[in-house]
Amino acid sequence: MSKEPFAVVVAIALMVASCGDVYDLNGFDYEPDVPMSDTLFNRDILVMNLGDNLPEGHKPLDANDPLYFSLEKLNSTNTLYKTTDRWDMAFSGQGRSSITTNNGKVAGLGYGSSAVGGLYLAELAYSIIQDVP
């Protein structure tokens, strides 16, 4: 058996094994995007024990410390992702009762990000909604 193919396999294995954590430009761990479906869908999302998944440094009772939530990951997102499109909704204010969507062009928590999110308030009972507007 020739030594050249074996050397190539070993070199590739070493390159793969030497890869460390990937960081983005802000210097924190990068979480790769999951490819999104291009179809429109509607589903109920039940989040249980969100307080168990708060990023380090969050003060749950502080009205000035918003919680950034990703609908893609169904979990809270690190506060360092504030100016990215890696979160969809932010809960802030007293008791986290103020809901903001991530939109980089609108003054708010997501201002300056590349996100283009929005919020639609349907003035219907939840049980009546059949279609996504």
C-alpha atoms as a PDB file:
ATOM      1  CA  MET A   1       0.000   0.000   0.000  1.00  0.00           C
ATOM      2  CA  SER A   2       1.295   3.417  -0.940  1.00  0.00           C
ATOM      3  CA  LYS A   3       2.103   5.871   1.833  1.00  0.00           C
ATOM      4  CA  GLU A   4       0.662   8.887  -0.025  1.00  0.00           C
ATOM      5  CA  PRO A   5      -3.088   8.083   0.418  1.00  0.00           C
ATOM      6  CA  PHE A   6      -2.460   7.203   4.055  1.00  0.00           C
ATOM      7  CA  ALA A   7      -0.624  10.517   4.579  1.00  0.00           C
ATOM      8  CA  VAL A   8      -3.511  12.440   2.996  1.00  0.00           C
ATOM      9  CA  VAL A   9      -6.061  10.714   5.255  1.00  0.00           C
ATOM     10  CA  VAL A  10      -3.936  11.426   8.342  1.00  0.00           C
ATOM     11  CA  ALA A  11      -3.483  15.079   7.298  1.00  0.00           C
ATOM     12  CA  ILE A  12      -7.238  15.537   6.836  1.00  0.00           C
ATOM     13  CA  ALA A  13      -7.959  13.861  10.173  1.00  0.00           C
ATOM     14  CA  LEU A  14      -5.478  16.166  11.919  1.00  0.00           C
ATOM     15  CA  MET A  15      -7.006  19.261  10.310  1.00  0.00           C
ATOM     16  CA  VAL A  16     -10.500  18.252  11.390  1.00  0.00           C
ATOM     17  CA  ALA A  17      -9.368  17.359  14.904  1.00  0.00           C
ATOM     18  CA  SER A  18      -7.470  20.626  15.278  1.00  0.00           C
ATOM     19  CA  CYS A  19     -10.552  22.741  14.640  1.00  0.00           C
ATOM     20  CA  GLY A  20     -11.537  24.474  17.863  1.00  0.00           C
ATOM     21  CA  ASP A  21     -14.543  26.536  18.837  1.00  0.00           C
ATOM     22  CA  VAL A  22     -15.807  28.932  16.221  1.00  0.00           C
ATOM     23  CA  TYR A  23     -16.269  32.528  17.323  1.00  0.00           C
ATOM     24  CA  ASP A  24     -18.072  35.325  15.589  1.00  0.00           C
ATOM     25  CA  LEU A  25     -16.802  38.878  15.254  1.00  0.00           C
ATOM     26  CA  ASN A  26     -18.076  39.809  18.720  1.00  0.00           C
ATOM     27  CA  GLY A  27     -15.873  37.152  20.337  1.00  0.00           C
ATOM     28  CA  PHE A  28     -18.458  34.792  21.803  1.00  0.00           C
ATOM     29  CA  ASP A  29     -19.369  31.235  20.873  1.00  0.00           C
ATOM     30  CA  TYR A  30     -21.036  30.919  17.503  1.00  0.00           C
ATOM     31  CA  GLU A  31     -24.132  28.764  17.184  1.00  0.00           C
ATOM     32  CA  PRO A  32     -24.655  27.694  13.560  1.00  0.00           C
ATOM     33  CA  ASP A  33     -27.983  28.531  11.958  1.00  0.00           C
ATOM     34  CA  VAL A  34     -30.446  25.757  11.316  1.00  0.00           C
ATOM     35  CA  PRO A  35     -31.737  25.976   7.728  1.00  0.00           C
ATOM     36  CA  MET A  36     -35.234  27.420   7.783  1.00  0.00           C
ATOM     37  CA  SER A  37     -38.134  26.037   5.823  1.00  0.00           C
ATOM     38  CA  ASP A  38     -39.543  28.346   3.173  1.00  0.00           C
ATOM     39  CA  THR A  39     -43.116  27.324   3.968  1.00  0.00           C
ATOM     40  CA  LEU A  40     -45.462  29.299   6.181  1.00  0.00           C
ATOM     41  CA  PHE A  41     -46.761  27.424   9.164  1.00  0.00           C
ATOM     42  CA  ASN A  42     -48.661  28.008  12.370  1.00  0.00           C
ATOM     43  CA  ARG A  43     -48.070  26.127  15.587  1.00  0.00           C
ATOM     44  CA  ASP A  44     -48.501  26.468  19.312  1.00  0.00           C
ATOM     45  CA  ILE A  45     -45.303  26.821  21.307  1.00  0.00           C
ATOM     46  CA  LEU A  46     -45.233  25.832  24.963  1.00  0.00           C
ATOM     47  CA  VAL A  47     -42.127  26.926  26.848  1.00  0.00           C
ATOM     48  CA  MET A  48     -41.649  25.280  30.225  1.00  0.00           C
ATOM     49  CA  ASN A  49     -39.150  26.347  32.888  1.00  0.00           C
ATOM     50  CA  LEU A  50     -37.702  29.222  30.892  1.00  0.00           C
ATOM     51  CA  GLY A  51     -36.056  30.466  34.078  1.00  0.00           C
ATOM     52  CA  ASP A  52     -33.876  27.350  34.101  1.00  0.00           C
ATOM     53  CA  ASN A  53     -32.394  28.362  30.744  1.00  0.00           C
ATOM     54  CA  LEU A  54     -31.576  32.019  31.357  1.00  0.00           C
ATOM     55  CA  PRO A  55     -28.147  33.041  30.103  1.00  0.00           C
ATOM     56  CA  GLU A  56     -25.526  33.755  32.744  1.00  0.00           C
ATOM     57  CA  GLY A  57     -25.766  37.293  34.071  1.00  0.00           C
ATOM     58  CA  HIS A  58     -29.520  37.735  33.648  1.00  0.00           C
ATOM     59  CA  LYS A  59     -31.342  39.338  36.533  1.00  0.00           C
ATOM     60  CA  PRO A  60     -34.888  37.958  36.218  1.00  0.00           C
ATOM     61  CA  LEU A  61     -36.467  40.639  38.377  1.00  0.00           C
ATOM     62  CA  ASP A  62     -34.633  43.608  36.810  1.00  0.00           C
ATOM     63  CA  ALA A  63     -36.972  45.615  34.562  1.00  0.00           C
ATOM     64  CA  ASN A  64     -33.988  46.920  32.578  1.00  0.00           C
ATOM     65  CA  ASP A  65     -32.590  43.476  31.706  1.00  0.00           C
ATOM     66  CA  PRO A  66     -34.600  42.133  28.735  1.00  0.00           C
ATOM     67  CA  LEU A  67     -34.848  38.462  27.914  1.00  0.00           C
ATOM     68  CA  TYR A  68     -34.168  37.722  24.236  1.00  0.00           C
ATOM     69  CA  PHE A  69     -36.050  34.693  22.909  1.00  0.00           C
ATOM     70  CA  SER A  70     -35.430  32.706  19.721  1.00  0.00           C
ATOM     71  CA  LEU A  71     -38.464  31.082  18.104  1.00  0.00           C
ATOM     72  CA  GLU A  72     -36.060  28.954  16.074  1.00  0.00           C
ATOM     73  CA  LYS A  73     -34.352  27.467  19.132  1.00  0.00           C
ATOM     74  CA  LEU A  74     -37.399  27.816  21.445  1.00  0.00           C
ATOM     75  CA  ASN A  75     -35.140  29.156  24.153  1.00  0.00           C
ATOM     76  CA  SER A  76     -33.639  32.339  25.505  1.00  0.00           C
ATOM     77  CA  THR A  77     -30.637  33.754  23.681  1.00  0.00           C
ATOM     78  CA  ASN A  78     -27.453  35.190  25.121  1.00  0.00           C
ATOM     79  CA  THR A  79     -27.595  38.953  25.619  1.00  0.00           C
ATOM     80  CA  LEU A  80     -24.467  39.331  23.476  1.00  0.00           C
ATOM     81  CA  TYR A  81     -26.659  38.510  20.446  1.00  0.00           C
ATOM     82  CA  LYS A  82     -28.633  41.746  20.979  1.00  0.00           C
ATOM     83  CA  THR A  83     -27.561  43.360  17.699  1.00  0.00           C
ATOM     84  CA  THR A  84     -27.933  40.203  15.610  1.00  0.00           C
ATOM     85  CA  ASP A  85     -30.847  38.376  14.011  1.00  0.00           C
ATOM     86  CA  ARG A  86     -30.459  35.421  16.422  1.00  0.00           C
ATOM     87  CA  TRP A  87     -33.495  36.365  18.525  1.00  0.00           C
ATOM     88  CA  ASP A  88     -37.101  37.080  17.603  1.00  0.00           C
ATOM     89  CA  MET A  89     -38.865  38.470  20.663  1.00  0.00           C
ATOM     90  CA  ALA A  90     -37.669  40.337  23.730  1.00  0.00           C
ATOM     91  CA  PHE A  91     -39.505  40.452  27.026  1.00  0.00           C
ATOM     92  CA  SER A  92     -38.694  43.493  29.143  1.00  0.00           C
ATOM     93  CA  GLY A  93     -40.156  45.934  31.614  1.00  0.00           C
ATOM     94  CA  GLN A  94     -41.743  45.175  34.935  1.00  0.00           C
ATOM     95  CA  GLY A  95     -42.485  41.469  35.139  1.00  0.00           C
ATOM     96  CA  ARG A  96     -41.203  41.168  31.559  1.00  0.00           C
ATOM     97  CA  SER A  97     -44.647  42.253  30.401  1.00  0.00           C
ATOM     98  CA  SER A  98     -43.464  44.361  27.446  1.00  0.00           C
ATOM     99  CA  ILE A  99     -42.993  42.356  24.236  1.00  0.00           C
ATOM    100  CA  THR A 100     -40.750  43.663  21.450  1.00  0.00           C
ATOM    101  CA  THR A 101     -39.845  42.035  18.148  1.00  0.00           C
ATOM    102  CA  ASN A 102     -36.399  42.147  16.580  1.00  0.00           C
ATOM    103  CA  ASN A 103     -36.374  44.720  13.797  1.00  0.00           C
ATOM    104  CA  GLY A 104     -33.161  46.589  13.035  1.00  0.00           C
ATOM    105  CA  LYS A 105     -34.903  49.542  11.388  1.00  0.00           C
ATOM    106  CA  VAL A 106     -37.279  50.374  14.238  1.00  0.00           C
ATOM    107  CA  ALA A 107     -36.198  52.099  17.458  1.00  0.00           C
ATOM    108  CA  GLY A 108     -36.211  49.498  20.193  1.00  0.00           C
ATOM    109  CA  LEU A 109     -34.235  46.592  21.561  1.00  0.00           C
ATOM    110  CA  GLY A 110     -33.330  45.238  18.113  1.00  0.00           C
ATOM    111  CA  TYR A 111     -32.362  48.558  16.531  1.00  0.00           C
ATOM    112  CA  GLY A 112     -29.250  48.209  14.382  1.00  0.00           C
ATOM    113  CA  SER A 113     -29.574  44.463  13.795  1.00  0.00           C
ATOM    114  CA  SER A 114     -30.157  42.847  10.404  1.00  0.00           C
ATOM    115  CA  ALA A 115     -33.509  41.413  11.535  1.00  0.00           C
ATOM    116  CA  VAL A 116     -36.826  42.433   9.969  1.00  0.00           C
ATOM    117  CA  GLY A 117     -39.305  40.941  12.446  1.00  0.00           C
ATOM    118  CA  GLY A 118     -42.735  42.217  13.298  1.00  0.00           C
ATOM    119  CA  LEU A 119     -45.728  41.494  15.458  1.00  0.00           C
ATOM    120  CA  TYR A 120     -49.356  41.135  14.479  1.00  0.00           C
ATOM    121  CA  LEU A 121     -52.020  41.457  17.154  1.00  0.00           C
ATOM    122  CA  ALA A 122     -55.183  39.652  16.131  1.00  0.00           C
ATOM    123  CA  GLU A 123     -58.270  41.077  17.761  1.00  0.00           C
ATOM    124  CA  LEU A 124     -59.911  37.661  17.922  1.00  0.00           C
ATOM    125  CA  ALA A 125     -60.256  34.986  20.517  1.00  0.00           C
ATOM    126  CA  TYR A 126     -57.342  32.579  20.194  1.00  0.00           C
ATOM    127  CA  SER A 127     -59.669  29.609  19.634  1.00  0.00           C
ATOM    128  CA  ILE A 128     -61.215  31.310  16.575  1.00  0.00           C
ATOM    129  CA  ILE A 129     -57.930  31.841  14.673  1.00  0.00           C
ATOM    130  CA  GLN A 130     -57.709  29.340  11.819  1.00  0.00           C
ATOM    131  CA  ASP A 131     -55.261  30.984   9.386  1.00  0.00           C
ATOM    132  CA  VAL A 132     -52.020  32.906   9.766  1.00  0.00           C
ATOM    133  CA  PRO A 133     -52.460  36.416   8.327  1.00  0.00           C
END
